[in-house]
Protein backbone atom coordinates (compact mmCIF):
# COMPACT_ATOMS: atom_id res chain seq x y z
CA MET A 1 18.18 5.35 17.61
CA LEU A 2 18.65 2.18 19.66
CA LEU A 3 16.50 -0.43 17.92
CA GLU A 4 17.31 -3.58 19.87
CA PRO A 5 14.83 -2.92 22.71
CA LEU A 6 12.07 -2.41 20.12
CA LEU A 7 12.52 -5.62 18.17
CA GLY A 8 9.48 -7.78 18.85
CA ALA A 9 7.85 -5.11 21.05
CA GLN A 10 4.12 -4.53 20.60
CA PRO A 11 3.35 -0.84 19.97
CA ARG A 12 0.63 1.08 21.73
CA VAL A 13 -2.26 1.60 19.30
CA GLN A 14 -4.26 4.83 19.35
CA GLU A 15 -7.15 4.67 16.93
CA MET A 16 -7.73 7.81 14.86
CA ARG A 17 -11.15 8.81 13.62
CA GLY A 18 -12.25 11.93 11.83
CA ARG A 19 -13.73 13.29 8.62
CA PHE A 20 -11.30 11.65 6.25
CA GLY A 21 -11.40 11.24 2.49
CA CYS A 22 -10.90 7.92 0.72
CA ALA A 23 -7.56 6.77 -0.70
CA MET A 24 -6.86 4.79 -3.87
CA THR A 25 -3.50 3.04 -3.76
CA VAL A 26 -1.58 1.32 -6.56
CA ASP A 27 1.11 -1.28 -5.93
CA VAL A 28 3.49 -0.64 -8.83
CA GLU A 29 4.96 -4.03 -9.68
CA GLU A 30 5.10 -6.35 -12.68
CA TRP A 31 2.71 -9.27 -13.09
CA TYR A 32 5.48 -11.66 -12.05
CA HIS A 33 6.18 -9.93 -8.73
CA THR A 34 4.32 -12.51 -6.67
CA CYS A 35 5.84 -13.98 -3.52
CA LEU A 36 4.15 -17.27 -4.48
CA ALA A 37 6.64 -17.58 -7.35
CA PRO A 38 10.01 -17.25 -5.52
CA ARG A 39 12.24 -17.55 -8.58
CA TYR A 40 10.38 -14.69 -10.24
CA VAL A 41 10.87 -12.16 -7.42
CA ARG A 42 14.61 -12.72 -6.98
CA PRO A 43 16.40 -11.02 -9.91
CA GLU A 44 19.34 -13.45 -9.78
CA ARG A 45 16.97 -16.40 -10.30
CA ARG A 46 14.44 -14.76 -12.62
CA PRO A 47 14.11 -16.18 -16.14
CA ASP A 48 13.58 -13.92 -19.14
CA LEU A 49 10.02 -12.62 -18.63
CA GLN A 50 7.92 -10.16 -20.60
CA GLU A 51 7.44 -6.83 -18.81
CA GLU A 52 4.35 -4.65 -19.09
CA LEU A 53 4.66 -1.65 -16.79
CA ASP A 54 6.26 0.64 -19.37
CA ARG A 55 3.00 0.33 -21.30
CA LEU A 56 0.52 -0.05 -18.43
CA LEU A 57 1.54 2.91 -16.27
CA PRO A 58 0.73 5.62 -18.86
CA GLU A 59 -2.62 3.91 -19.50
CA LEU A 60 -3.40 3.84 -15.80
CA LEU A 61 -2.41 7.48 -15.33
CA LEU A 62 -4.75 8.38 -18.17
CA ARG A 63 -7.65 6.63 -16.44
CA PHE A 64 -6.97 8.53 -13.23
CA ALA A 65 -6.78 11.81 -15.18
CA GLU A 66 -10.02 11.15 -17.08
CA ALA A 67 -11.80 10.44 -13.79
CA GLY A 68 -10.19 13.45 -12.11
CA ARG A 69 -8.75 11.25 -9.35
CA ARG A 70 -5.45 11.03 -7.51
CA GLY A 71 -3.83 8.22 -5.56
CA THR A 72 -0.78 6.88 -3.77
CA PHE A 73 1.53 4.77 -5.92
CA PHE A 74 3.63 2.34 -3.87
CA VAL A 75 6.54 1.80 -6.25
CA LEU A 76 8.91 -1.15 -6.12
CA GLY A 77 12.51 0.05 -6.08
CA GLU A 78 13.79 -2.27 -8.79
CA VAL A 79 10.95 -1.06 -11.03
CA ALA A 80 11.83 2.57 -10.30
CA GLU A 81 15.44 2.01 -11.33
CA ARG A 82 14.35 0.36 -14.58
CA LEU A 83 11.61 2.89 -15.41
CA PRO A 84 12.68 6.20 -13.84
CA GLN A 85 10.72 8.35 -16.27
CA ARG A 86 7.46 6.54 -15.44
CA VAL A 87 7.99 7.30 -11.75
CA ARG A 88 8.57 10.96 -12.55
CA GLU A 89 5.37 10.95 -14.62
CA ILE A 90 3.42 9.59 -11.64
CA ALA A 91 4.66 12.43 -9.45
CA ALA A 92 4.17 15.04 -12.20
CA ALA A 93 0.52 13.96 -12.54
CA GLY A 94 -0.08 14.93 -8.90
CA HIS A 95 -0.03 11.50 -7.32
CA GLU A 96 1.85 10.59 -4.15
CA VAL A 97 4.86 8.33 -4.69
CA ALA A 98 5.53 5.92 -1.82
CA SER A 99 7.71 2.85 -1.32
CA HIS A 100 6.83 -0.80 -1.89
CA GLY A 101 10.33 -1.88 -0.87
CA TYR A 102 13.20 -2.48 -3.26
CA LEU A 103 12.65 -6.19 -3.95
CA HIS A 104 9.27 -7.91 -3.81
CA LEU A 105 10.23 -10.23 -0.96
CA ARG A 106 8.19 -11.00 2.12
CA ALA A 107 9.37 -9.13 5.20
CA ALA A 108 9.73 -12.40 7.12
CA ASP A 109 12.09 -13.71 4.43
CA ARG A 110 14.65 -11.02 5.33
CA THR A 111 16.68 -10.57 8.45
CA PRO A 112 15.81 -7.34 10.28
CA ALA A 113 19.09 -5.83 9.06
CA ALA A 114 18.43 -6.83 5.44
CA PHE A 115 14.87 -5.54 5.68
CA ARG A 116 16.06 -2.15 6.90
CA ARG A 117 18.64 -1.94 4.10
CA ASP A 118 15.84 -2.67 1.62
CA LEU A 119 13.68 0.08 3.19
CA GLU A 120 16.50 2.62 2.96
CA ARG A 121 17.55 1.65 -0.54
CA SER A 122 14.03 1.97 -1.89
CA ARG A 123 13.45 5.33 -0.21
CA SER A 124 16.75 6.68 -1.53
CA VAL A 125 16.02 5.59 -5.12
CA LEU A 126 12.53 7.12 -5.09
CA GLU A 127 13.60 10.39 -3.45
CA ASP A 128 16.31 10.86 -6.06
CA LEU A 129 13.74 10.40 -8.81
CA VAL A 130 10.95 12.65 -7.51
CA GLY A 131 13.21 15.24 -5.88
CA GLY A 132 11.41 15.18 -2.54
CA PRO A 133 10.76 13.09 0.56
CA ILE A 134 9.03 9.71 0.51
CA TRP A 135 6.79 9.28 3.54
CA GLY A 136 4.81 6.07 2.96
CA PHE A 137 5.63 2.36 2.87
CA ARG A 138 3.74 -0.83 2.09
CA ALA A 139 5.41 -4.21 2.46
CA PRO A 140 5.18 -6.61 -0.49
CA GLU A 141 2.16 -8.90 -0.04
CA TRP A 142 1.23 -6.90 3.13
CA SER A 143 3.84 -9.16 4.70
CA LEU A 144 4.45 -7.32 7.97
CA ARG A 145 1.28 -9.18 8.97
CA ARG A 146 1.03 -8.30 12.68
CA LEU A 147 1.61 -5.45 15.13
CA SER A 148 4.18 -7.56 16.98
CA ASN A 149 6.37 -8.00 13.88
CA GLN A 150 9.90 -7.07 14.91
CA ARG A 151 10.43 -5.36 11.55
CA LEU A 152 7.58 -2.85 11.97
CA PRO A 153 9.56 -0.31 14.05
CA LEU A 154 12.29 -0.46 11.41
CA VAL A 155 9.89 1.29 9.00
CA GLU A 156 9.89 4.32 11.31
CA ALA A 157 13.64 4.05 11.86
CA ALA A 158 14.22 4.19 8.08
CA GLY A 159 12.52 7.60 7.97
CA TYR A 160 8.97 6.77 6.91
CA LEU A 161 5.99 8.61 8.39
CA TYR A 162 3.36 5.95 7.75
CA ASP A 163 2.83 2.31 6.88
CA SER A 164 -0.05 0.67 5.01
CA SER A 165 0.78 -3.02 5.42
CA LEU A 166 -1.25 -4.34 8.35
CA ALA A 167 -4.31 -5.96 6.80
CA PRO A 168 -7.10 -6.47 9.39
CA ASN A 169 -8.03 -9.89 7.98
CA LEU A 170 -6.79 -13.45 8.17
CA VAL A 171 -4.07 -15.03 5.98
CA SER A 172 -2.53 -11.77 4.72
CA GLY A 173 -2.89 -10.12 8.13
CA SER A 174 -4.61 -10.58 11.46
CA PHE A 175 -7.97 -9.83 13.07
CA ASP A 176 -5.92 -8.16 15.84
CA ASN A 177 -4.62 -5.49 13.45
CA PRO A 178 -6.31 -2.07 13.59
CA ARG A 179 -9.23 -1.58 11.21
CA PHE A 180 -9.04 2.19 11.43
CA ALA A 181 -6.19 4.62 10.85
CA SER A 182 -4.03 4.46 13.96
CA LEU A 183 -1.05 6.02 15.65
CA LEU A 184 1.51 3.41 16.75
CA THR A 185 3.98 4.35 19.48
CA TRP A 186 6.80 2.42 21.10
CA GLY A 187 8.41 2.79 24.50
CA ASN A 188 11.38 4.80 23.24
CA GLY A 189 9.15 7.46 21.66
CA ALA A 190 9.21 6.08 18.12
CA ARG A 191 5.88 6.52 16.32
CA LEU A 192 4.36 5.52 13.04
CA LEU A 193 0.97 6.08 11.43
CA GLU A 194 -0.82 2.97 10.17
CA PHE A 195 -3.39 3.14 7.35
CA PRO A 196 -4.77 -0.41 6.96
CA PRO A 197 -6.24 -1.60 3.65
CA LEU A 198 -10.02 -1.74 3.35
CA THR A 199 -12.04 -4.91 3.96
CA TYR A 200 -15.67 -5.78 3.24
CA GLY A 201 -18.08 -8.58 4.13
CA GLY A 202 -18.79 -7.73 7.76
CA VAL A 203 -17.27 -10.12 10.31
CA PHE A 204 -15.56 -12.09 7.51
CA ARG A 205 -13.38 -9.07 6.65
CA LEU A 206 -12.52 -10.01 3.09
CA PRO A 207 -9.75 -7.92 1.51
CA ALA A 208 -11.15 -5.27 -0.84
CA GLY A 209 -7.98 -5.78 -2.91
CA SER A 210 -6.57 -8.93 -4.54
CA TRP A 211 -8.82 -11.70 -5.88
CA THR A 212 -11.54 -11.25 -3.23
CA GLY A 213 -11.89 -7.62 -4.24
CA ARG A 214 -11.85 -8.42 -7.95
CA LEU A 215 -14.78 -10.81 -7.49
CA ALA A 216 -16.89 -8.23 -5.67
CA ASN A 217 -19.48 -6.04 -7.33
CA PRO A 218 -18.26 -2.41 -7.28
CA GLU A 219 -21.42 -1.40 -5.41
CA ARG A 220 -20.51 -3.77 -2.61
CA LEU A 221 -17.06 -2.25 -2.33
CA LEU A 222 -18.49 1.27 -2.44
CA LYS A 223 -20.89 0.32 0.35
CA ALA A 224 -17.88 -0.74 2.43
CA VAL A 225 -16.16 2.58 1.61
CA ARG A 226 -19.22 4.57 2.72
CA GLU A 227 -19.77 2.56 5.90
CA HIS A 228 -16.12 2.82 6.91
CA GLY A 229 -16.08 6.54 6.27
CA ALA A 230 -19.33 7.03 8.22
CA LYS A 231 -17.61 5.48 11.26
CA GLY A 232 -14.74 7.94 11.01
CA GLY A 233 -12.47 5.63 9.04
CA LEU A 234 -10.17 6.26 6.11
CA PRO A 235 -10.95 3.68 3.38
CA VAL A 236 -7.79 2.52 1.59
CA ALA A 237 -8.39 0.66 -1.69
CA VAL A 238 -5.64 -1.39 -3.37
CA VAL A 239 -5.07 -2.20 -7.05
CA HIS A 240 -2.21 -3.35 -9.30
CA PRO A 241 -1.56 -2.15 -12.87
CA TRP A 242 -1.72 -5.70 -14.29
CA GLU A 243 -5.19 -6.18 -12.75
CA VAL A 244 -6.69 -3.41 -14.87
CA SER A 245 -4.75 -4.09 -18.06
CA GLY A 246 -7.73 -5.74 -19.76
CA THR A 247 -5.31 -8.20 -21.39
CA PRO A 248 -4.18 -11.73 -20.42
CA THR A 249 -1.07 -12.21 -18.33
CA PRO A 250 1.89 -12.48 -20.75
CA GLY A 251 3.57 -15.32 -18.82
CA ARG A 252 2.82 -18.52 -16.99
CA LEU A 253 1.92 -18.90 -13.31
CA THR A 254 0.85 -22.16 -11.71
CA GLY A 255 -0.90 -23.46 -8.60
CA LEU A 256 -1.82 -21.00 -5.86
CA ALA A 257 0.11 -18.21 -7.60
CA TRP A 258 -2.14 -18.63 -10.66
CA PHE A 259 -5.31 -18.73 -8.52
CA VAL A 260 -4.51 -15.55 -6.57
CA HIS A 261 -3.34 -13.73 -9.70
CA GLU A 262 -6.04 -14.72 -12.17
CA THR A 263 -9.25 -15.21 -10.15
CA GLY A 264 -11.67 -12.39 -10.88
CA ARG A 265 -9.57 -10.88 -13.67
CA ASP A 266 -12.33 -11.32 -16.26
CA GLY A 267 -14.14 -7.99 -16.60
CA PHE A 268 -12.30 -6.35 -13.72
CA ASP A 269 -11.04 -3.54 -15.95
CA GLY A 270 -14.61 -2.27 -16.35
CA ARG A 271 -15.42 -2.75 -12.67
CA PHE A 272 -12.36 -0.75 -11.71
CA ARG A 273 -13.35 2.11 -14.00
CA GLN A 274 -16.76 2.15 -12.29
CA LEU A 275 -15.14 2.14 -8.85
CA LEU A 276 -12.71 4.91 -9.80
CA ALA A 277 -15.49 7.15 -11.08
CA ALA A 278 -17.85 6.62 -8.15
CA CYS A 279 -15.75 8.05 -5.30
CA ASP A 280 -13.59 11.14 -4.86
CA TRP A 281 -10.35 9.18 -4.45
CA GLY A 282 -7.17 10.87 -3.35
CA SER A 283 -3.75 9.92 -2.04
CA ILE A 284 -3.28 8.69 1.52
CA GLN A 285 -1.69 12.01 2.46
CA THR A 286 -4.55 14.09 1.10
CA ALA A 287 -7.28 11.72 2.34
CA ALA A 288 -5.78 11.84 5.85
CA ARG A 289 -5.15 15.60 5.60
CA LEU A 290 -1.73 15.00 7.09
CA ASP A 291 0.21 18.01 8.23
CA VAL A 292 3.71 16.64 7.59
CA GLY A 293 5.38 19.73 8.98
CA ALA A 294 3.51 19.45 12.27
CA TRP A 295 4.32 15.77 12.45
CA ARG A 296 8.01 16.33 11.89
CA THR A 297 8.17 18.94 14.65
CA GLY A 298 6.54 16.59 17.13
CA ALA A 299 2.93 17.77 17.03
CA GLN A 300 -0.01 15.42 16.57
CA PRO A 301 -1.15 15.01 12.93
CA ALA A 302 -4.04 17.41 12.38
CA VAL A 303 -7.27 16.59 10.58
CA PRO A 304 -9.43 19.71 10.21
CA GLY A 305 -13.02 19.45 11.35
CA GLY A 306 -13.38 16.59 13.79
CA PHE A 307 -10.05 14.82 14.27
CA ARG A 308 -9.76 12.83 17.45
CA ILE A 309 -7.55 10.13 18.91
CA ALA A 310 -9.35 7.39 20.79
CA GLY A 311 -8.11 4.41 22.77
């Protein structure tokens, strides 16, 4: 595929509405994988830090199993290489495994060529582990940011079916990003599904994940889930294993990194359990009722019972 004409091109956005389910997504990364601490996310600069995922992932899978829920786990490639058995356990438990990139670096911090290599490396590592295709991608820190990002069409070029990186809020995204599941198409025929993360708070559009989500009462988040679903949307919740550990962070963060990481942590474990139990969460693929076979042969993705494309 010739990518040069696409770089920087704005895709056509076709909003999708239908009778969707709701999706719980987990960004599988260590507590120190924060773009606000640059020397922590680059392995060659990283000091010796305590790691928790080998312990936290089985605990999190148990919570999902006890609640009878499934989700999409966006796994960081370097984590997958270090903990291959944990990734296999995620897949074996019936969850969707998707890509969070190989390194936890902002998309804008990579050249387009380096970003695509990261996309392909992560997908290859994960497919080798789970023995099947990886269809979904989420950029670290939702860092694709905007529809006009020249790296967005590279997600499709690397073989992914959908993205879940374009937050429809300020700072981590843009008010111009789609709020509802959408089909993105470019002039050369390339296409990508976009499943934006959930927001709440009306016109303020606060992220339902990260510290703003941790501070919210679960009932407020569930209200946002219900309202979005009633409008034909697909609510996509976001959580990290370290958020629901119920234990203090084992290392030191400072400044804005500390604020974003630690605000709302107190008691969030219990609030998450309440949220998990209150809705019939599934993976993005199951919530969207995606017909991957139809998509791969060029047909529109089908959602039984009321699917439509608007816009």
